Amino acid sequence: DLSIPVHDKDSLSCGLSSPLPRLRVEIADTGAGISREDQARIFD
């Protein structure tokens, strides 16, 4: 989800060198967002 600009698109890829089956879960909101400075510490 989210049409958010990606700053390093060359490093992002849907493919994996050796993909394994799993289930991906996403939780997306259209809230205020988080700044880059706060993203580095958001899980502290």
All heavy atoms as atom14 arrays in JSON, in Angstrom:
{
  "sequence": "DLSIPVHDKDSLSCGLSSPLPRLRVEIADTGAGISREDQARIFD",
  "atom14_mask": [
    [1, 1, 1, 1, 1, 1, 1, 1, 0, 0, 0, 0, 0, 0],
    [1, 1, 1, 1, 1, 1, 1, 1, 0, 0, 0, 0, 0, 0],
    [1, 1, 1, 1, 1, 1, 0, 0, 0, 0, 0, 0, 0, 0],
    [1, 1, 1, 1, 1, 1, 1, 1, 0, 0, 0, 0, 0, 0],
    [1, 1, 1, 1, 1, 1, 1, 0, 0, 0, 0, 0, 0, 0],
    [1, 1, 1, 1, 1, 1, 1, 0, 0, 0, 0, 0, 0, 0],
    [1, 1, 1, 1, 1, 1, 1, 1, 1, 1, 0, 0, 0, 0],
    [1, 1, 1, 1, 1, 1, 1, 1, 0, 0, 0, 0, 0, 0],
    [1, 1, 1, 1, 1, 1, 1, 1, 1, 0, 0, 0, 0, 0],
    [1, 1, 1, 1, 1, 1, 1, 1, 0, 0, 0, 0, 0, 0],
    [1, 1, 1, 1, 1, 1, 0, 0, 0, 0, 0, 0, 0, 0],
    [1, 1, 1, 1, 1, 1, 1, 1, 0, 0, 0, 0, 0, 0],
    [1, 1, 1, 1, 1, 1, 0, 0, 0, 0, 0, 0, 0, 0],
    [1, 1, 1, 1, 1, 1, 0, 0, 0, 0, 0, 0, 0, 0],
    [1, 1, 1, 1, 0, 0, 0, 0, 0, 0, 0, 0, 0, 0],
    [1, 1, 1, 1, 1, 1, 1, 1, 0, 0, 0, 0, 0, 0],
    [1, 1, 1, 1, 1, 1, 0, 0, 0, 0, 0, 0, 0, 0],
    [1, 1, 1, 1, 1, 1, 0, 0, 0, 0, 0, 0, 0, 0],
    [1, 1, 1, 1, 1, 1, 1, 0, 0, 0, 0, 0, 0, 0],
    [1, 1, 1, 1, 1, 1, 1, 1, 0, 0, 0, 0, 0, 0],
    [1, 1, 1, 1, 1, 1, 1, 0, 0, 0, 0, 0, 0, 0],
    [1, 1, 1, 1, 1, 1, 1, 1, 1, 1, 1, 0, 0, 0],
    [1, 1, 1, 1, 1, 1, 1, 1, 0, 0, 0, 0, 0, 0],
    [1, 1, 1, 1, 1, 1, 1, 1, 1, 1, 1, 0, 0, 0],
    [1, 1, 1, 1, 1, 1, 1, 0, 0, 0, 0, 0, 0, 0],
    [1, 1, 1, 1, 1, 1, 1, 1, 1, 0, 0, 0, 0, 0],
    [1, 1, 1, 1, 1, 1, 1, 1, 0, 0, 0, 0, 0, 0],
    [1, 1, 1, 1, 1, 0, 0, 0, 0, 0, 0, 0, 0, 0],
    [1, 1, 1, 1, 1, 1, 1, 1, 0, 0, 0, 0, 0, 0],
    [1, 1, 1, 1, 1, 1, 1, 0, 0, 0, 0, 0, 0, 0],
    [1, 1, 1, 1, 0, 0, 0, 0, 0, 0, 0, 0, 0, 0],
    [1, 1, 1, 1, 1, 0, 0, 0, 0, 0, 0, 0, 0, 0],
    [1, 1, 1, 1, 0, 0, 0, 0, 0, 0, 0, 0, 0, 0],
    [1, 1, 1, 1, 1, 1, 1, 1, 0, 0, 0, 0, 0, 0],
    [1, 1, 1, 1, 1, 1, 0, 0, 0, 0, 0, 0, 0, 0],
    [1, 1, 1, 1, 1, 1, 1, 1, 1, 1, 1, 0, 0, 0],
    [1, 1, 1, 1, 1, 1, 1, 1, 1, 0, 0, 0, 0, 0],
    [1, 1, 1, 1, 1, 1, 1, 1, 0, 0, 0, 0, 0, 0],
    [1, 1, 1, 1, 1, 1, 1, 1, 1, 0, 0, 0, 0, 0],
    [1, 1, 1, 1, 1, 0, 0, 0, 0, 0, 0, 0, 0, 0],
    [1, 1, 1, 1, 1, 1, 1, 1, 1, 1, 1, 0, 0, 0],
    [1, 1, 1, 1, 1, 1, 1, 1, 0, 0, 0, 0, 0, 0],
    [1, 1, 1, 1, 1, 1, 1, 1, 1, 1, 1, 0, 0, 0],
    [1, 1, 1, 1, 1, 1, 1, 1, 0, 0, 0, 0, 0, 0]
  ],
  "atom14_positions": [
    [[0.82, -1.2, 0.0], [0.0, 0.0, 0.0], [0.86, 1.25, 0.0], [2.06, 1.21, 0.24], [-0.92, -0.01, 1.21], [-2.33, 0.38, 0.82], [-2.45, 1.08, -0.19], [-3.27, -0.03, 1.52], [0.0, 0.0, 0.0], [0.0, 0.0, 0.0], [0.0, 0.0, 0.0], [0.0, 0.0, 0.0], [0.0, 0.0, 0.0], [0.0, 0.0, 0.0]],
    [[0.2, 2.36, -0.24], [0.76, 3.73, -0.17], [1.54, 4.11, -1.43], [2.48, 3.45, -1.82], [1.69, 3.9, 1.02], [1.0, 4.15, 2.36], [2.05, 4.24, 3.42], [0.22, 5.43, 2.33], [0.0, 0.0, 0.0], [0.0, 0.0, 0.0], [0.0, 0.0, 0.0], [0.0, 0.0, 0.0], [0.0, 0.0, 0.0], [0.0, 0.0, 0.0]],
    [[1.14, 5.19, -2.05], [1.9, 5.76, -3.17], [2.9, 6.74, -2.59], [2.75, 7.95, -2.65], [0.95, 6.48, -4.14], [0.21, 7.46, -3.43], [0.0, 0.0, 0.0], [0.0, 0.0, 0.0], [0.0, 0.0, 0.0], [0.0, 0.0, 0.0], [0.0, 0.0, 0.0], [0.0, 0.0, 0.0], [0.0, 0.0, 0.0], [0.0, 0.0, 0.0]],
    [[3.94, 6.18, -1.99], [4.96, 6.99, -1.32], [6.22, 6.94, -2.15], [6.67, 5.87, -2.56], [5.23, 6.44, 0.09], [3.95, 6.51, 0.92], [6.35, 7.16, 0.78], [4.08, 5.87, 2.26], [0.0, 0.0, 0.0], [0.0, 0.0, 0.0], [0.0, 0.0, 0.0], [0.0, 0.0, 0.0], [0.0, 0.0, 0.0], [0.0, 0.0, 0.0]],
    [[6.84, 8.09, -2.44], [8.07, 8.08, -3.23], [9.17, 7.33, -2.5], [9.33, 7.46, -1.3], [8.41, 9.57, -3.37], [7.57, 10.29, -2.39], [6.42, 9.44, -2.05], [0.0, 0.0, 0.0], [0.0, 0.0, 0.0], [0.0, 0.0, 0.0], [0.0, 0.0, 0.0], [0.0, 0.0, 0.0], [0.0, 0.0, 0.0], [0.0, 0.0, 0.0]],
    [[9.9, 6.52, -3.23], [10.99, 5.75, -2.68], [12.29, 6.41, -3.1], [12.51, 6.68, -4.28], [10.93, 4.29, -3.18], [12.08, 3.5, -2.6], [9.6, 3.66, -2.8], [0.0, 0.0, 0.0], [0.0, 0.0, 0.0], [0.0, 0.0, 0.0], [0.0, 0.0, 0.0], [0.0, 0.0, 0.0], [0.0, 0.0, 0.0], [0.0, 0.0, 0.0]],
    [[13.18, 6.64, -2.15], [14.38, 7.41, -2.43], [15.49, 6.57, -3.02], [16.4, 7.1, -3.64], [14.86, 8.07, -1.13], [13.84, 9.03, -0.57], [13.74, 10.33, -0.99], [12.88, 8.85, 0.38], [12.77, 10.94, -0.31], [12.23, 10.06, 0.52], [0.0, 0.0, 0.0], [0.0, 0.0, 0.0], [0.0, 0.0, 0.0], [0.0, 0.0, 0.0]],
    [[15.49, 5.27, -2.78], [16.55, 4.41, -3.3], [15.92, 3.25, -4.05], [15.96, 2.11, -3.64], [17.43, 3.89, -2.15], [18.66, 3.15, -2.65], [18.93, 3.26, -3.85], [19.32, 2.48, -1.85], [0.0, 0.0, 0.0], [0.0, 0.0, 0.0], [0.0, 0.0, 0.0], [0.0, 0.0, 0.0], [0.0, 0.0, 0.0], [0.0, 0.0, 0.0]],
    [[15.29, 3.58, -5.2], [14.53, 2.56, -5.93], [15.44, 1.49, -6.52], [15.0, 0.39, -6.77], [13.71, 3.21, -7.03], [12.59, 4.1, -6.49], [11.71, 4.6, -7.59], [10.54, 5.44, -7.05], [9.65, 5.93, -8.07], [0.0, 0.0, 0.0], [0.0, 0.0, 0.0], [0.0, 0.0, 0.0], [0.0, 0.0, 0.0], [0.0, 0.0, 0.0]],
    [[16.73, 1.84, -6.77], [17.61, 0.84, -7.33], [17.87, -0.32, -6.37], [18.16, -1.44, -6.77], [18.97, 1.47, -7.71], [18.8, 2.48, -8.84], [17.82, 2.35, -9.59], [19.64, 3.38, -8.96], [0.0, 0.0, 0.0], [0.0, 0.0, 0.0], [0.0, 0.0, 0.0], [0.0, 0.0, 0.0], [0.0, 0.0, 0.0], [0.0, 0.0, 0.0]],
    [[17.76, -0.05, -5.08], [18.01, -1.09, -4.07], [16.77, -1.88, -3.75], [16.82, -2.82, -2.99], [18.56, -0.47, -2.78], [17.57, 0.35, -2.19], [0.0, 0.0, 0.0], [0.0, 0.0, 0.0], [0.0, 0.0, 0.0], [0.0, 0.0, 0.0], [0.0, 0.0, 0.0], [0.0, 0.0, 0.0], [0.0, 0.0, 0.0], [0.0, 0.0, 0.0]],
    [[15.6, -1.48, -4.28], [14.35, -2.17, -3.96], [13.98, -3.11, -5.09], [14.03, -2.76, -6.26], [13.23, -1.16, -3.74], [13.53, -0.1, -2.67], [12.34, 0.83, -2.53], [13.89, -0.73, -1.36], [0.0, 0.0, 0.0], [0.0, 0.0, 0.0], [0.0, 0.0, 0.0], [0.0, 0.0, 0.0], [0.0, 0.0, 0.0], [0.0, 0.0, 0.0]],
    [[13.59, -4.31, -4.72], [13.24, -5.3, -5.74], [12.25, -6.28, -5.18], [12.3, -6.64, -4.02], [14.5, -6.04, -6.2], [14.17, -7.12, -7.01], [0.0, 0.0, 0.0], [0.0, 0.0, 0.0], [0.0, 0.0, 0.0], [0.0, 0.0, 0.0], [0.0, 0.0, 0.0], [0.0, 0.0, 0.0], [0.0, 0.0, 0.0], [0.0, 0.0, 0.0]],
    [[11.3, -6.69, -6.05], [10.32, -7.69, -5.62], [10.92, -9.08, -5.67], [10.42, -10.0, -5.06], [9.08, -7.64, -6.51], [8.05, -6.21, -6.18], [0.0, 0.0, 0.0], [0.0, 0.0, 0.0], [0.0, 0.0, 0.0], [0.0, 0.0, 0.0], [0.0, 0.0, 0.0], [0.0, 0.0, 0.0], [0.0, 0.0, 0.0], [0.0, 0.0, 0.0]],
    [[11.97, -9.29, -6.43], [12.54, -10.61, -6.55], [13.55, -10.88, -5.47], [14.18, -10.0, -4.93], [0.0, 0.0, 0.0], [0.0, 0.0, 0.0], [0.0, 0.0, 0.0], [0.0, 0.0, 0.0], [0.0, 0.0, 0.0], [0.0, 0.0, 0.0], [0.0, 0.0, 0.0], [0.0, 0.0, 0.0], [0.0, 0.0, 0.0], [0.0, 0.0, 0.0]],
    [[13.71, -12.15, -5.14], [14.7, -12.58, -4.17], [15.64, -13.55, -4.86], [15.27, -14.22, -5.82], [14.03, -13.26, -2.97], [13.16, -12.35, -2.11], [12.44, -13.22, -1.08], [13.97, -11.27, -1.45], [0.0, 0.0, 0.0], [0.0, 0.0, 0.0], [0.0, 0.0, 0.0], [0.0, 0.0, 0.0], [0.0, 0.0, 0.0], [0.0, 0.0, 0.0]],
    [[16.87, -13.6, -4.37], [17.83, -14.5, -4.98], [17.4, -15.96, -4.83], [17.64, -16.77, -5.69], [19.21, -14.3, -4.32], [19.12, -14.52, -2.93], [0.0, 0.0, 0.0], [0.0, 0.0, 0.0], [0.0, 0.0, 0.0], [0.0, 0.0, 0.0], [0.0, 0.0, 0.0], [0.0, 0.0, 0.0], [0.0, 0.0, 0.0], [0.0, 0.0, 0.0]],
    [[16.79, -16.27, -3.71], [16.27, -17.62, -3.5], [14.96, -17.51, -2.73], [14.91, -17.73, -1.53], [17.28, -18.46, -2.72], [17.6, -17.83, -1.51], [0.0, 0.0, 0.0], [0.0, 0.0, 0.0], [0.0, 0.0, 0.0], [0.0, 0.0, 0.0], [0.0, 0.0, 0.0], [0.0, 0.0, 0.0], [0.0, 0.0, 0.0], [0.0, 0.0, 0.0]],
    [[13.85, -17.11, -3.4], [12.59, -16.85, -2.69], [12.04, -18.12, -2.07], [12.11, -19.19, -2.63], [11.67, -16.31, -3.78], [12.24, -16.84, -5.05], [13.72, -16.93, -4.85], [0.0, 0.0, 0.0], [0.0, 0.0, 0.0], [0.0, 0.0, 0.0], [0.0, 0.0, 0.0], [0.0, 0.0, 0.0], [0.0, 0.0, 0.0], [0.0, 0.0, 0.0]],
    [[11.47, -17.94, -0.88], [10.83, -19.04, -0.18], [9.38, -18.67, 0.08], [9.08, -17.5, 0.33], [11.55, -19.32, 1.14], [12.98, -19.85, 1.0], [13.65, -19.88, 2.36], [12.99, -21.23, 0.39], [0.0, 0.0, 0.0], [0.0, 0.0, 0.0], [0.0, 0.0, 0.0], [0.0, 0.0, 0.0], [0.0, 0.0, 0.0], [0.0, 0.0, 0.0]],
    [[8.46, -19.64, 0.05], [7.04, -19.31, 0.22], [6.75, -18.82, 1.63], [7.18, -19.41, 2.62], [6.34, -20.65, -0.05], [7.38, -21.67, 0.24], [8.68, -21.07, -0.15], [0.0, 0.0, 0.0], [0.0, 0.0, 0.0], [0.0, 0.0, 0.0], [0.0, 0.0, 0.0], [0.0, 0.0, 0.0], [0.0, 0.0, 0.0], [0.0, 0.0, 0.0]],
    [[6.0, -17.71, 1.72], [5.58, -17.15, 3.0], [4.39, -16.23, 2.76], [3.99, -16.01, 1.61], [6.72, -16.4, 3.68], [7.35, -15.34, 2.8], [8.7, -14.93, 3.38], [9.32, -13.85, 2.65], [10.01, -13.98, 1.52], [10.15, -15.19, 1.01], [10.55, -12.94, 0.91], [0.0, 0.0, 0.0], [0.0, 0.0, 0.0], [0.0, 0.0, 0.0]],
    [[3.87, -15.68, 3.82], [2.71, -14.8, 3.73], [3.12, -13.41, 4.18], [3.71, -13.24, 5.24], [1.59, -15.33, 4.64], [0.22, -14.65, 4.42], [-0.39, -15.12, 3.12], [-0.7, -14.97, 5.6], [0.0, 0.0, 0.0], [0.0, 0.0, 0.0], [0.0, 0.0, 0.0], [0.0, 0.0, 0.0], [0.0, 0.0, 0.0], [0.0, 0.0, 0.0]],
    [[2.82, -12.43, 3.34], [3.15, -11.04, 3.67], [1.9, -10.34, 4.19], [0.81, -10.47, 3.63], [3.7, -10.31, 2.45], [3.92, -8.82, 2.67], [4.97, -8.26, 1.76], [6.27, -8.81, 2.08], [7.4, -8.42, 1.47], [7.35, -7.5, 0.53], [8.55, -8.95, 1.81], [0.0, 0.0, 0.0], [0.0, 0.0, 0.0], [0.0, 0.0, 0.0]],
    [[2.08, -9.58, 5.28], [1.0, -8.83, 5.9], [1.38, -7.36, 5.9], [2.5, -7.01, 6.28], [0.75, -9.31, 7.35], [-0.39, -8.53, 7.97], [0.46, -10.81, 7.38], [0.0, 0.0, 0.0], [0.0, 0.0, 0.0], [0.0, 0.0, 0.0], [0.0, 0.0, 0.0], [0.0, 0.0, 0.0], [0.0, 0.0, 0.0], [0.0, 0.0, 0.0]],
    [[0.42, -6.49, 5.44], [0.67, -5.05, 5.37], [-0.42, -4.31, 6.14], [-1.6, -4.67, 6.07], [0.68, -4.57, 3.91], [1.69, -5.28, 3.02], [1.46, -4.96, 1.56], [0.56, -4.13, 1.27], [2.14, -5.54, 0.7], [0.0, 0.0, 0.0], [0.0, 0.0, 0.0], [0.0, 0.0, 0.0], [0.0, 0.0, 0.0], [0.0, 0.0, 0.0]],
    [[0.0, -3.29, 6.87], [-0.94, -2.39, 7.55], [-0.58, -0.98, 7.1], [0.49, -0.46, 7.44], [-0.85, -2.5, 9.09], [-1.22, -3.92, 9.53], [-1.77, -1.49, 9.75], [-0.05, -4.85, 9.65], [0.0, 0.0, 0.0], [0.0, 0.0, 0.0], [0.0, 0.0, 0.0], [0.0, 0.0, 0.0], [0.0, 0.0, 0.0], [0.0, 0.0, 0.0]],
    [[-1.45, -0.37, 6.31], [-1.17, 0.93, 5.69], [-2.22, 1.94, 6.14], [-3.4, 1.63, 6.27], [-1.15, 0.82, 4.17], [0.0, 0.0, 0.0], [0.0, 0.0, 0.0], [0.0, 0.0, 0.0], [0.0, 0.0, 0.0], [0.0, 0.0, 0.0], [0.0, 0.0, 0.0], [0.0, 0.0, 0.0], [0.0, 0.0, 0.0], [0.0, 0.0, 0.0]],
    [[-1.77, 3.17, 6.39], [-2.7, 4.24, 6.76], [-2.35, 5.5, 5.98], [-1.26, 5.62, 5.41], [-2.65, 4.51, 8.27], [-1.3, 5.05, 8.72], [-0.94, 6.17, 8.34], [-0.59, 4.32, 9.45], [0.0, 0.0, 0.0], [0.0, 0.0, 0.0], [0.0, 0.0, 0.0], [0.0, 0.0, 0.0], [0.0, 0.0, 0.0], [0.0, 0.0, 0.0]],
    [[-3.27, 6.43, 5.94], [-3.06, 7.72, 5.26], [-2.93, 8.81, 6.31], [-3.45, 9.92, 6.15], [-4.24, 8.02, 4.33], [-5.45, 8.0, 5.1], [-4.33, 6.99, 3.23], [0.0, 0.0, 0.0], [0.0, 0.0, 0.0], [0.0, 0.0, 0.0], [0.0, 0.0, 0.0], [0.0, 0.0, 0.0], [0.0, 0.0, 0.0], [0.0, 0.0, 0.0]],
    [[-2.2, 8.49, 7.41], [-2.06, 9.42, 8.52], [-1.01, 10.49, 8.26], [-0.63, 10.78, 7.12], [0.0, 0.0, 0.0], [0.0, 0.0, 0.0], [0.0, 0.0, 0.0], [0.0, 0.0, 0.0], [0.0, 0.0, 0.0], [0.0, 0.0, 0.0], [0.0, 0.0, 0.0], [0.0, 0.0, 0.0], [0.0, 0.0, 0.0], [0.0, 0.0, 0.0]],
    [[-0.51, 11.05, 9.35], [0.41, 12.19, 9.25], [1.78, 11.79, 8.75], [2.54, 12.64, 8.29], [0.54, 12.86, 10.62], [0.0, 0.0, 0.0], [0.0, 0.0, 0.0], [0.0, 0.0, 0.0], [0.0, 0.0, 0.0], [0.0, 0.0, 0.0], [0.0, 0.0, 0.0], [0.0, 0.0, 0.0], [0.0, 0.0, 0.0], [0.0, 0.0, 0.0]],
    [[2.15, 10.49, 8.85], [3.47, 10.06, 8.4], [4.52, 10.28, 9.48], [4.3, 10.93, 10.5], [0.0, 0.0, 0.0], [0.0, 0.0, 0.0], [0.0, 0.0, 0.0], [0.0, 0.0, 0.0], [0.0, 0.0, 0.0], [0.0, 0.0, 0.0], [0.0, 0.0, 0.0], [0.0, 0.0, 0.0], [0.0, 0.0, 0.0], [0.0, 0.0, 0.0]],
    [[5.7, 9.73, 9.22], [6.82, 9.79, 10.17], [8.03, 10.33, 9.44], [8.35, 9.9, 8.32], [7.12, 8.39, 10.75], [5.86, 7.78, 11.36], [8.24, 8.45, 11.77], [6.04, 6.33, 11.79], [0.0, 0.0, 0.0], [0.0, 0.0, 0.0], [0.0, 0.0, 0.0], [0.0, 0.0, 0.0], [0.0, 0.0, 0.0], [0.0, 0.0, 0.0]],
    [[8.71, 11.29, 10.05], [9.88, 11.89, 9.42], [11.03, 10.89, 9.39], [11.04, 9.89, 10.11], [10.32, 13.13, 10.2], [10.76, 12.78, 11.49], [0.0, 0.0, 0.0], [0.0, 0.0, 0.0], [0.0, 0.0, 0.0], [0.0, 0.0, 0.0], [0.0, 0.0, 0.0], [0.0, 0.0, 0.0], [0.0, 0.0, 0.0], [0.0, 0.0, 0.0]],
    [[12.04, 11.19, 8.55], [13.18, 10.29, 8.43], [13.96, 10.19, 9.74], [14.49, 9.14, 10.09], [14.11, 10.75, 7.31], [13.55, 10.48, 5.92], [14.6, 10.79, 4.85], [14.12, 10.39, 3.54], [14.26, 9.16, 3.04], [14.85, 8.24, 3.76], [13.81, 8.86, 1.84], [0.0, 0.0, 0.0], [0.0, 0.0, 0.0], [0.0, 0.0, 0.0]],
    [[14.05, 11.3, 10.47], [14.75, 11.27, 11.74], [14.04, 10.35, 12.74], [14.68, 9.59, 13.48], [14.87, 12.68, 12.32], [15.74, 13.63, 11.5], [15.03, 14.14, 10.25], [13.8, 13.89, 10.14], [15.68, 14.75, 9.38], [0.0, 0.0, 0.0], [0.0, 0.0, 0.0], [0.0, 0.0, 0.0], [0.0, 0.0, 0.0], [0.0, 0.0, 0.0]],
    [[12.72, 10.43, 12.77], [11.97, 9.59, 13.7], [11.94, 8.13, 13.28], [11.83, 7.23, 14.12], [10.53, 10.11, 13.84], [10.48, 11.45, 14.55], [11.34, 11.67, 15.42], [9.61, 12.27, 14.23], [0.0, 0.0, 0.0], [0.0, 0.0, 0.0], [0.0, 0.0, 0.0], [0.0, 0.0, 0.0], [0.0, 0.0, 0.0], [0.0, 0.0, 0.0]],
    [[12.05, 7.85, 11.97], [12.02, 6.47, 11.51], [13.19, 5.65, 12.06], [13.08, 4.44, 12.28], [12.03, 6.41, 9.98], [10.75, 6.9, 9.33], [10.8, 6.84, 7.82], [11.49, 5.99, 7.26], [10.07, 7.74, 7.16], [0.0, 0.0, 0.0], [0.0, 0.0, 0.0], [0.0, 0.0, 0.0], [0.0, 0.0, 0.0], [0.0, 0.0, 0.0]],
    [[14.34, 6.31, 12.27], [15.51, 5.6, 12.77], [15.32, 5.13, 14.21], [15.98, 4.2, 14.66], [16.76, 6.48, 12.67], [0.0, 0.0, 0.0], [0.0, 0.0, 0.0], [0.0, 0.0, 0.0], [0.0, 0.0, 0.0], [0.0, 0.0, 0.0], [0.0, 0.0, 0.0], [0.0, 0.0, 0.0], [0.0, 0.0, 0.0], [0.0, 0.0, 0.0]],
    [[14.4, 5.79, 14.95], [14.22, 5.46, 16.38], [12.81, 4.99, 16.7], [12.46, 4.87, 17.87], [14.56, 6.69, 17.23], [15.95, 7.25, 17.03], [16.18, 8.43, 17.95], [15.94, 8.07, 19.34], [15.83, 8.97, 20.32], [15.91, 10.26, 20.05], [15.62, 8.57, 21.57], [0.0, 0.0, 0.0], [0.0, 0.0, 0.0], [0.0, 0.0, 0.0]],
    [[12.01, 4.74, 15.69], [10.6, 4.49, 15.91], [10.36, 3.22, 16.73], [9.37, 3.09, 17.45], [9.84, 4.42, 14.57], [8.33, 4.47, 14.81], [10.22, 3.16, 13.82], [7.86, 5.78, 15.37], [0.0, 0.0, 0.0], [0.0, 0.0, 0.0], [0.0, 0.0, 0.0], [0.0, 0.0, 0.0], [0.0, 0.0, 0.0], [0.0, 0.0, 0.0]],
    [[11.32, 2.24, 16.65], [11.15, 0.99, 17.37], [11.86, 0.98, 18.71], [11.91, -0.06, 19.38], [11.65, -0.19, 16.52], [10.82, -0.44, 15.29], [11.26, -0.03, 14.03], [9.59, -1.07, 15.38], [10.5, -0.25, 12.91], [8.82, -1.29, 14.25], [9.28, -0.88, 13.01], [0.0, 0.0, 0.0], [0.0, 0.0, 0.0], [0.0, 0.0, 0.0]],
    [[12.45, 2.11, 19.13], [13.11, 2.18, 20.43], [12.07, 2.23, 21.54], [10.94, 2.7, 21.36], [14.02, 3.41, 20.53], [15.2, 3.32, 19.59], [15.43, 2.21, 19.06], [15.89, 4.33, 19.38], [0.0, 0.0, 0.0], [0.0, 0.0, 0.0], [0.0, 0.0, 0.0], [0.0, 0.0, 0.0], [0.0, 0.0, 0.0], [0.0, 0.0, 0.0]]
  ]
}
